[in-house]
Amino acid sequence: MRTIRLGPSPLQVPVVAVGCMRLQRLESAAAERYVQTCLELGANFFDHADIYGGGRCEEVFAAAVHMGPAVRERIVLQSKCGIRRGMFDFSREHILEAVDGSLRRLRTDYLDVLLLHRPDALVEPGEVAEAFDRLEQAGKVRHFGVSNQNPMQIQLLRKCVKQPIVANQLQLSITNATMISSGINVNMENAAAVDRDGGVLDFCRLHDITIQPWSPFQYGFFSGAFLDNEKFPELNAKLAEVAQAHAVSKTTIAVAWLLRHPAQMQPIVGTMNLERLRDSVRAADVRLTREEWYAIYRAAGNVLP
């Protein structure tokens, strides 16, 4: 699969990443088949979090991939921490404990990337910095990033954290594109002009932070997929038209729409359906025209000034 550089790190990663949030739903044989299919497709970047399945997803993955030194060299592992029941926690102690738990469940000595999951209102940047330093010095984490954070939150961390922020995982899809729409509708008196993200798209581009869109097929907040959804007839008709022109599926075009953006994003695809996984990976070889990109954007109900 085509690769990109992850932020300012030396890591070359597939343009489509595999999200493992639902992996615990698969029986062992199906999980093994899924993971091996990912590797066959060149999708060797796996995104985890300590809360996915209460940690069970990491355990299922390690068993399915048959984790060992030879396998570990072939894959890129990313996990996230900071969400606890009823609260968020970026304390030094929790970060260190969470990473040790993920390493144990994943049967590995290190994470390629650790992301801080949801912003913690009580974050102490100095504690985060100390945790990152300890993890880096111990060889437990090689690169660091964030998830669902706006520019000022990242800047606050950077006040103390010396490691580069390589990625920011954000919800983004054709139907959830506020970070794009606010840029298009600058200086307009309409809802699309409201900047809900603090200019995070341009900020990440300016600072070489890779945006990892999560839920690329979802509308709302886990409201369901827009693909083949009767709520989005115009969008699905346009996706079908563009898909036919490229001889691929609508799934492929939905991912290709994200990849067409010059920010060089890395979508996180969390489907457990093997055919949709294959279709998602095919997006790496599809480049939409400017006309196609904007036509899809408008068909989702997004407005141009």
Protein backbone atom coordinates (compact mmCIF):
# COMPACT_ATOMS: atom_id res chain seq x y z
CA MET A 1 0.00 0.00 0.00
CA ARG A 2 1.08 3.59 -0.58
CA THR A 3 2.71 5.11 2.50
CA ILE A 4 3.15 8.53 4.06
CA ARG A 5 5.44 9.87 6.73
CA LEU A 6 3.74 10.03 10.14
CA GLY A 7 4.13 13.63 11.25
CA PRO A 8 7.76 14.64 11.72
CA SER A 9 8.75 11.09 12.71
CA PRO A 10 10.83 8.78 10.50
CA LEU A 11 7.94 6.30 10.39
CA GLN A 12 6.60 5.47 6.93
CA VAL A 13 3.05 4.21 7.46
CA PRO A 14 0.20 2.99 5.21
CA VAL A 15 -2.21 5.75 4.17
CA VAL A 16 -5.08 3.64 5.55
CA ALA A 17 -4.82 2.45 9.16
CA VAL A 18 -6.74 -0.41 10.77
CA GLY A 19 -8.91 0.47 13.77
CA CYS A 20 -9.24 -2.37 16.26
CA MET A 21 -12.07 -1.04 18.45
CA ARG A 22 -14.46 -3.85 17.46
CA LEU A 23 -11.97 -6.70 17.25
CA GLN A 24 -13.19 -8.37 20.44
CA ARG A 25 -16.51 -9.10 18.71
CA LEU A 26 -14.84 -11.69 16.47
CA GLU A 27 -14.28 -15.31 17.36
CA SER A 28 -10.61 -16.32 17.44
CA ALA A 29 -10.58 -17.87 13.96
CA ALA A 30 -12.34 -14.86 12.44
CA ALA A 31 -10.01 -12.45 14.24
CA GLU A 32 -6.98 -14.30 12.92
CA ARG A 33 -8.39 -14.27 9.39
CA TYR A 34 -9.10 -10.55 9.69
CA VAL A 35 -5.64 -9.61 10.93
CA GLN A 36 -3.86 -11.80 8.39
CA THR A 37 -5.95 -10.24 5.61
CA CYS A 38 -4.83 -6.81 6.80
CA LEU A 39 -1.20 -7.85 6.53
CA GLU A 40 -1.74 -9.35 3.07
CA LEU A 41 -3.21 -6.03 1.95
CA GLY A 42 -0.28 -4.05 3.33
CA ALA A 43 -2.44 -2.56 6.08
CA ASN A 44 0.07 -3.14 8.85
CA PHE A 45 -0.72 -0.06 10.99
CA PHE A 46 -3.03 -1.08 13.83
CA ASP A 47 -4.77 1.47 16.06
CA HIS A 48 -5.74 0.40 19.59
CA ALA A 49 -6.83 1.97 22.89
CA ASP A 50 -6.75 0.60 26.40
CA ILE A 51 -10.52 1.07 26.71
CA TYR A 52 -11.46 -0.86 23.56
CA GLY A 53 -13.34 -3.85 24.86
CA GLY A 54 -11.96 -3.07 28.30
CA GLY A 55 -8.52 -4.09 27.03
CA ARG A 56 -9.83 -7.24 25.39
CA CYS A 57 -9.23 -5.94 21.85
CA GLU A 58 -5.48 -5.74 22.46
CA GLU A 59 -5.47 -9.30 23.80
CA VAL A 60 -7.46 -10.63 20.84
CA PHE A 61 -5.14 -8.85 18.43
CA ALA A 62 -1.97 -10.26 20.00
CA ALA A 63 -3.35 -13.78 19.73
CA ALA A 64 -4.66 -13.27 16.20
CA VAL A 65 -1.42 -11.85 14.84
CA HIS A 66 0.67 -14.51 16.67
CA MET A 67 2.80 -11.83 18.24
CA GLY A 68 6.51 -12.56 18.29
CA PRO A 69 9.76 -10.80 17.29
CA ALA A 70 9.39 -11.56 13.58
CA VAL A 71 5.77 -10.40 13.51
CA ARG A 72 6.51 -7.30 15.58
CA GLU A 73 9.02 -6.08 13.01
CA ARG A 74 6.33 -6.18 10.30
CA ILE A 75 3.69 -4.09 12.06
CA VAL A 76 3.17 -0.61 13.47
CA LEU A 77 1.29 -0.49 16.78
CA GLN A 78 -0.50 2.57 18.07
CA SER A 79 -2.52 2.71 21.26
CA LYS A 80 -4.28 5.38 23.25
CA CYS A 81 -4.84 6.09 26.93
CA GLY A 82 -6.52 8.65 29.16
CA ILE A 83 -10.17 7.55 29.29
CA ARG A 84 -11.36 6.04 32.53
CA ARG A 85 -14.87 5.27 33.68
CA GLY A 86 -16.62 8.58 34.31
CA MET A 87 -13.49 10.69 33.83
CA PHE A 88 -10.43 11.50 31.75
CA ASP A 89 -6.96 11.11 33.22
CA PHE A 90 -3.64 12.40 31.85
CA SER A 91 -1.85 12.06 35.17
CA ARG A 92 1.70 10.74 35.12
CA GLU A 93 0.74 7.66 37.09
CA HIS A 94 -2.18 6.74 34.86
CA ILE A 95 -0.25 7.19 31.60
CA LEU A 96 2.57 4.97 32.84
CA GLU A 97 0.19 2.34 34.18
CA ALA A 98 -1.93 2.37 31.03
CA VAL A 99 1.06 1.85 28.75
CA ASP A 100 2.30 -1.07 30.83
CA GLY A 101 -1.15 -2.61 30.56
CA SER A 102 -1.27 -2.21 26.79
CA LEU A 103 2.23 -3.67 26.38
CA ARG A 104 1.26 -6.66 28.46
CA ARG A 105 -1.95 -7.30 26.52
CA LEU A 106 -0.28 -6.76 23.15
CA ARG A 107 2.65 -9.02 24.12
CA THR A 108 5.24 -6.49 23.01
CA ASP A 109 8.01 -4.44 24.56
CA TYR A 110 7.11 -1.16 22.89
CA LEU A 111 4.47 0.91 21.15
CA ASP A 112 5.40 2.69 17.98
CA VAL A 113 2.93 5.47 18.84
CA LEU A 114 1.04 6.48 21.98
CA LEU A 115 -1.85 8.95 21.75
CA LEU A 116 -3.55 10.78 24.59
CA HIS A 117 -7.19 9.90 23.98
CA ARG A 118 -9.73 12.57 25.05
CA PRO A 119 -8.69 15.97 26.51
CA ASP A 120 -8.39 15.95 30.30
CA ALA A 121 -9.63 19.22 31.85
CA LEU A 122 -7.27 18.63 34.79
CA VAL A 123 -4.18 17.96 32.69
CA GLU A 124 -0.83 19.07 34.08
CA PRO A 125 1.51 19.37 31.06
CA GLY A 126 4.53 18.83 33.28
CA GLU A 127 3.19 15.45 34.39
CA VAL A 128 2.53 14.42 30.81
CA ALA A 129 6.06 15.47 29.89
CA GLU A 130 7.54 13.42 32.72
CA ALA A 131 5.51 10.37 31.70
CA PHE A 132 6.56 10.72 28.06
CA ASP A 133 10.21 11.09 29.05
CA ARG A 134 10.10 7.96 31.20
CA LEU A 135 8.37 5.95 28.50
CA GLU A 136 10.80 7.10 25.82
CA GLN A 137 13.87 6.51 27.97
CA ALA A 138 12.64 3.01 28.89
CA GLY A 139 12.07 2.21 25.22
CA LYS A 140 8.38 1.56 25.84
CA VAL A 141 7.08 4.23 23.42
CA ARG A 142 8.87 5.58 20.36
CA HIS A 143 6.52 8.38 19.22
CA PHE A 144 3.75 10.41 20.80
CA GLY A 145 0.55 12.14 19.71
CA VAL A 146 -2.93 13.17 20.74
CA SER A 147 -6.55 12.50 19.87
CA ASN A 148 -9.51 14.89 19.72
CA GLN A 149 -7.44 17.93 20.69
CA ASN A 150 -7.61 21.49 19.42
CA PRO A 151 -4.58 23.68 18.65
CA MET A 152 -4.43 25.44 22.03
CA GLN A 153 -4.58 22.13 23.90
CA ILE A 154 -1.69 20.85 21.81
CA GLN A 155 0.25 24.06 22.36
CA LEU A 156 -0.29 23.74 26.10
CA LEU A 157 1.25 20.26 26.04
CA ARG A 158 4.12 21.47 23.89
CA LYS A 159 4.99 23.99 26.60
CA CYS A 160 6.49 21.08 28.55
CA VAL A 161 6.56 18.03 26.26
CA LYS A 162 9.79 17.86 24.27
CA GLN A 163 8.81 14.99 21.96
CA PRO A 164 7.19 15.98 18.64
CA ILE A 165 3.42 15.48 18.39
CA VAL A 166 3.20 13.18 15.37
CA ALA A 167 -0.56 12.65 15.05
CA ASN A 168 -3.95 14.00 16.06
CA GLN A 169 -6.85 11.57 15.73
CA LEU A 170 -10.06 13.49 14.94
CA GLN A 171 -13.57 12.62 13.83
CA LEU A 172 -13.84 13.45 10.15
CA SER A 173 -15.96 12.16 7.29
CA ILE A 174 -17.84 13.54 4.31
CA THR A 175 -20.82 14.25 6.58
CA ASN A 176 -18.78 15.36 9.63
CA ALA A 177 -16.48 17.91 8.04
CA THR A 178 -16.70 21.01 10.23
CA MET A 179 -12.94 21.49 10.22
CA ILE A 180 -13.08 21.75 6.43
CA SER A 181 -16.36 23.67 6.16
CA SER A 182 -15.30 26.47 8.53
CA GLY A 183 -12.28 27.14 6.34
CA ILE A 184 -14.38 27.28 3.18
CA ASN A 185 -16.94 29.61 4.80
CA VAL A 186 -14.56 32.14 6.34
CA ASN A 187 -16.19 35.52 7.03
CA MET A 188 -19.68 34.23 6.24
CA GLU A 189 -22.75 34.60 8.47
CA ASN A 190 -23.90 30.98 8.26
CA ALA A 191 -23.66 27.89 10.44
CA ALA A 192 -20.87 26.39 8.34
CA ALA A 193 -18.63 29.36 9.16
CA VAL A 194 -18.58 28.52 12.88
CA ASP A 195 -15.09 27.37 13.84
CA ARG A 196 -15.73 24.49 16.24
CA ASP A 197 -12.22 23.09 16.07
CA GLY A 198 -9.93 26.08 16.60
CA GLY A 199 -8.50 25.89 13.10
CA VAL A 200 -7.13 22.43 13.86
CA LEU A 201 -6.83 21.39 10.21
CA ASP A 202 -4.53 24.25 9.26
CA PHE A 203 -2.70 24.02 12.59
CA CYS A 204 -1.83 20.38 12.01
CA ARG A 205 -0.67 21.11 8.48
CA LEU A 206 1.51 23.98 9.70
CA HIS A 207 3.13 21.79 12.36
CA ASP A 208 3.43 18.58 10.32
CA ILE A 209 0.99 16.70 12.55
CA THR A 210 -0.74 13.84 10.72
CA ILE A 211 -4.52 13.95 11.07
CA GLN A 212 -6.01 10.48 11.55
CA PRO A 213 -9.74 10.68 10.72
CA TRP A 214 -11.81 8.29 12.80
CA SER A 215 -15.27 6.99 11.84
CA PRO A 216 -14.79 7.85 8.13
CA PHE A 217 -18.18 6.29 7.25
CA GLN A 218 -20.18 7.67 10.18
CA TYR A 219 -22.53 10.61 10.43
CA GLY A 220 -23.18 12.32 13.74
CA PHE A 221 -21.50 10.81 16.77
CA PHE A 222 -21.76 7.07 16.09
CA SER A 223 -25.24 7.63 14.63
CA GLY A 224 -24.63 5.13 11.86
CA ALA A 225 -23.01 4.89 8.45
CA PHE A 226 -24.04 7.25 5.66
CA LEU A 227 -23.27 4.60 3.03
CA ASP A 228 -26.50 3.11 1.62
CA ASN A 229 -28.45 5.13 4.18
CA GLU A 230 -31.84 6.47 3.03
CA LYS A 231 -31.14 9.67 4.98
CA PHE A 232 -28.46 10.56 2.43
CA PRO A 233 -29.91 9.83 -1.03
CA GLU A 234 -28.06 12.61 -2.88
CA LEU A 235 -24.73 11.70 -1.31
CA ASN A 236 -25.09 8.01 -2.09
CA ALA A 237 -26.11 8.76 -5.67
CA LYS A 238 -23.02 10.93 -6.18
CA LEU A 239 -20.76 8.36 -4.50
CA ALA A 240 -22.18 5.68 -6.80
CA GLU A 241 -21.59 7.88 -9.85
CA VAL A 242 -17.98 8.60 -8.93
CA ALA A 243 -17.40 4.98 -7.92
CA GLN A 244 -18.59 3.80 -11.32
CA ALA A 245 -16.22 6.23 -13.04
CA HIS A 246 -13.29 4.78 -11.13
CA ALA A 247 -14.52 1.16 -11.25
CA VAL A 248 -14.52 0.85 -7.45
CA SER A 249 -17.10 0.81 -4.63
CA LYS A 250 -18.72 3.68 -2.75
CA THR A 251 -16.68 2.64 0.28
CA THR A 252 -13.50 3.19 -1.68
CA ILE A 253 -14.62 6.64 -2.77
CA ALA A 254 -15.58 7.65 0.78
CA VAL A 255 -12.02 6.93 1.92
CA ALA A 256 -10.48 8.39 -1.25
CA TRP A 257 -12.34 11.65 -0.49
CA LEU A 258 -10.31 11.98 2.71
CA LEU A 259 -7.06 10.95 1.04
CA ARG A 260 -7.54 13.58 -1.68
CA HIS A 261 -7.09 16.37 0.85
CA PRO A 262 -3.53 17.80 0.68
CA ALA A 263 -3.10 17.42 4.46
CA GLN A 264 -2.04 13.81 3.76
CA MET A 265 -4.38 12.28 6.30
CA GLN A 266 -4.34 8.68 7.50
CA PRO A 267 -7.95 7.47 7.92
CA ILE A 268 -8.62 4.90 10.65
CA VAL A 269 -10.93 2.25 9.19
CA GLY A 270 -12.63 0.22 11.91
CA THR A 271 -14.77 -2.15 9.86
CA MET A 272 -14.60 -5.85 10.67
CA ASN A 273 -16.10 -6.70 7.27
CA LEU A 274 -13.34 -8.09 5.04
CA GLU A 275 -14.87 -6.81 1.80
CA ARG A 276 -15.25 -3.30 3.17
CA LEU A 277 -11.68 -3.54 4.46
CA ARG A 278 -10.45 -4.44 0.97
CA ASP A 279 -12.50 -1.63 -0.54
CA SER A 280 -11.05 0.83 1.96
CA VAL A 281 -7.49 -0.16 1.14
CA ARG A 282 -8.18 0.27 -2.59
CA ALA A 283 -8.65 3.98 -1.90
CA ALA A 284 -4.87 4.30 -1.67
CA ASP A 285 -4.75 3.96 -5.46
CA VAL A 286 -7.63 6.32 -6.29
CA ARG A 287 -7.16 10.05 -6.74
CA LEU A 288 -10.33 12.07 -7.09
CA THR A 289 -10.44 15.11 -9.33
CA ARG A 290 -11.13 18.50 -7.80
CA GLU A 291 -14.55 18.45 -9.44
CA GLU A 292 -15.36 15.04 -7.95
CA TRP A 293 -14.19 16.06 -4.48
CA TYR A 294 -16.36 19.18 -4.38
CA ALA A 295 -19.36 17.40 -5.92
CA ILE A 296 -19.24 14.81 -3.13
CA TYR A 297 -18.81 17.54 -0.53
CA ARG A 298 -21.90 19.38 -1.77
CA ALA A 299 -23.96 16.19 -2.11
CA ALA A 300 -23.53 15.60 1.63
CA GLY A 301 -25.34 18.87 2.31
CA ASN A 302 -22.21 20.95 2.82
CA VAL A 303 -22.52 24.47 1.45
CA LEU A 304 -20.28 26.70 -0.59
CA PRO A 305 -20.49 30.48 0.00
